[in-house]
Amino acid sequence: MTRAALSAFLRARKLAPLNETYMLELAFTCDGLEGFPEAEWMYQEAQACDLKSVASQQHYELHLQKWKLSGSAANMMRRLQRLISQIRN
């Protein structure tokens, strides 16, 4: 997803602020751009529209996994860079 998609979904949300679909699409886009705190907010907004939405809850759970893995991947990359630096020295 690109920033252009994010912009389009933001405009759509202004036109239909209570539409759960636009909020989920915004959340997906934020996740794709690794804007996890922003995505978190959009998932909360989407869930507030329909508290019983199974799809919204499932998407939210995937979001949490992506966010957690992104932190794990970042930590792993830092450790790998330190290891490479130690090997070179």
Protein backbone atom coordinates (compact mmCIF):
# COMPACT_ATOMS: atom_id res chain seq x y z
CA MET A 1 0.00 0.00 0.00
CA THR A 2 1.13 3.52 -0.65
CA ARG A 3 0.65 6.91 0.86
CA ALA A 4 -1.67 7.70 -2.07
CA ALA A 5 -3.98 4.89 -0.93
CA LEU A 6 -3.88 6.26 2.59
CA SER A 7 -4.90 9.67 1.27
CA ALA A 8 -7.78 8.17 -0.74
CA PHE A 9 -9.14 6.23 2.23
CA LEU A 10 -8.91 9.32 4.45
CA ARG A 11 -11.01 11.24 1.92
CA ALA A 12 -13.51 8.37 1.74
CA ARG A 13 -13.75 8.28 5.52
CA LYS A 14 -14.61 11.99 5.57
CA LEU A 15 -17.51 11.26 3.21
CA ALA A 16 -18.75 8.27 5.23
CA PRO A 17 -17.34 8.58 8.76
CA LEU A 18 -19.35 5.65 10.14
CA ASN A 19 -18.47 3.20 7.38
CA GLU A 20 -16.56 0.31 8.96
CA THR A 21 -15.10 -0.73 5.60
CA TYR A 22 -13.21 2.53 5.12
CA MET A 23 -11.86 2.37 8.65
CA LEU A 24 -10.61 -1.18 8.08
CA GLU A 25 -9.05 -0.21 4.75
CA LEU A 26 -7.31 2.69 6.48
CA ALA A 27 -6.07 0.31 9.16
CA PHE A 28 -4.78 -2.17 6.52
CA THR A 29 -3.00 0.67 4.74
CA CYS A 30 -1.41 1.93 7.95
CA ASP A 31 -0.27 -1.61 8.76
CA GLY A 32 1.25 -1.86 5.28
CA LEU A 33 3.17 1.36 5.90
CA GLU A 34 4.18 0.09 9.35
CA GLY A 35 2.15 2.83 10.99
CA PHE A 36 0.97 0.45 13.68
CA PRO A 37 -0.18 3.05 16.26
CA GLU A 38 -2.30 4.75 13.59
CA ALA A 39 -3.69 1.38 12.49
CA GLU A 40 -4.51 0.58 16.11
CA TRP A 41 -6.67 3.69 16.30
CA MET A 42 -8.49 2.80 13.05
CA TYR A 43 -9.16 -0.77 14.21
CA GLN A 44 -10.65 0.60 17.43
CA GLU A 45 -12.86 2.95 15.42
CA ALA A 46 -14.00 0.11 13.14
CA GLN A 47 -14.80 -2.13 16.09
CA ALA A 48 -16.80 0.67 17.72
CA CYS A 49 -19.05 0.80 14.64
CA ASP A 50 -20.04 -2.84 15.09
CA LEU A 51 -19.11 -4.39 18.42
CA LYS A 52 -20.16 -7.84 17.21
CA SER A 53 -18.18 -7.81 13.95
CA VAL A 54 -16.25 -11.08 13.74
CA ALA A 55 -14.30 -9.90 10.67
CA SER A 56 -13.22 -6.72 12.40
CA GLN A 57 -11.98 -8.70 15.41
CA GLN A 58 -10.10 -11.17 13.18
CA HIS A 59 -8.42 -8.34 11.27
CA TYR A 60 -7.49 -6.70 14.55
CA GLU A 61 -5.84 -9.88 15.80
CA LEU A 62 -3.79 -10.09 12.58
CA HIS A 63 -2.79 -6.46 13.06
CA LEU A 64 -1.49 -7.24 16.55
CA GLN A 65 0.56 -10.15 15.18
CA LYS A 66 2.06 -7.95 12.42
CA TRP A 67 2.93 -5.26 14.95
CA LYS A 68 4.55 -7.76 17.29
CA LEU A 69 6.51 -9.38 14.44
CA SER A 70 7.70 -6.00 13.18
CA GLY A 71 9.28 -5.34 16.56
CA SER A 72 10.82 -8.80 16.61
CA ALA A 73 12.20 -8.34 13.11
CA ALA A 74 13.66 -4.95 14.01
CA ASN A 75 15.34 -6.39 17.11
CA MET A 76 16.71 -9.29 15.10
CA MET A 77 18.13 -6.91 12.48
CA ARG A 78 19.85 -4.82 15.16
CA ARG A 79 21.41 -7.94 16.70
CA LEU A 80 22.53 -9.13 13.26
CA GLN A 81 24.10 -5.74 12.50
CA ARG A 82 25.98 -5.80 15.81
CA LEU A 83 27.20 -9.32 15.08
CA ILE A 84 28.42 -8.34 11.61
CA SER A 85 30.16 -5.31 13.09
CA GLN A 86 31.90 -7.52 15.67
CA ILE A 87 33.01 -9.98 12.99
CA ARG A 88 34.47 -7.18 10.86
CA ASN A 89 36.43 -5.75 13.80
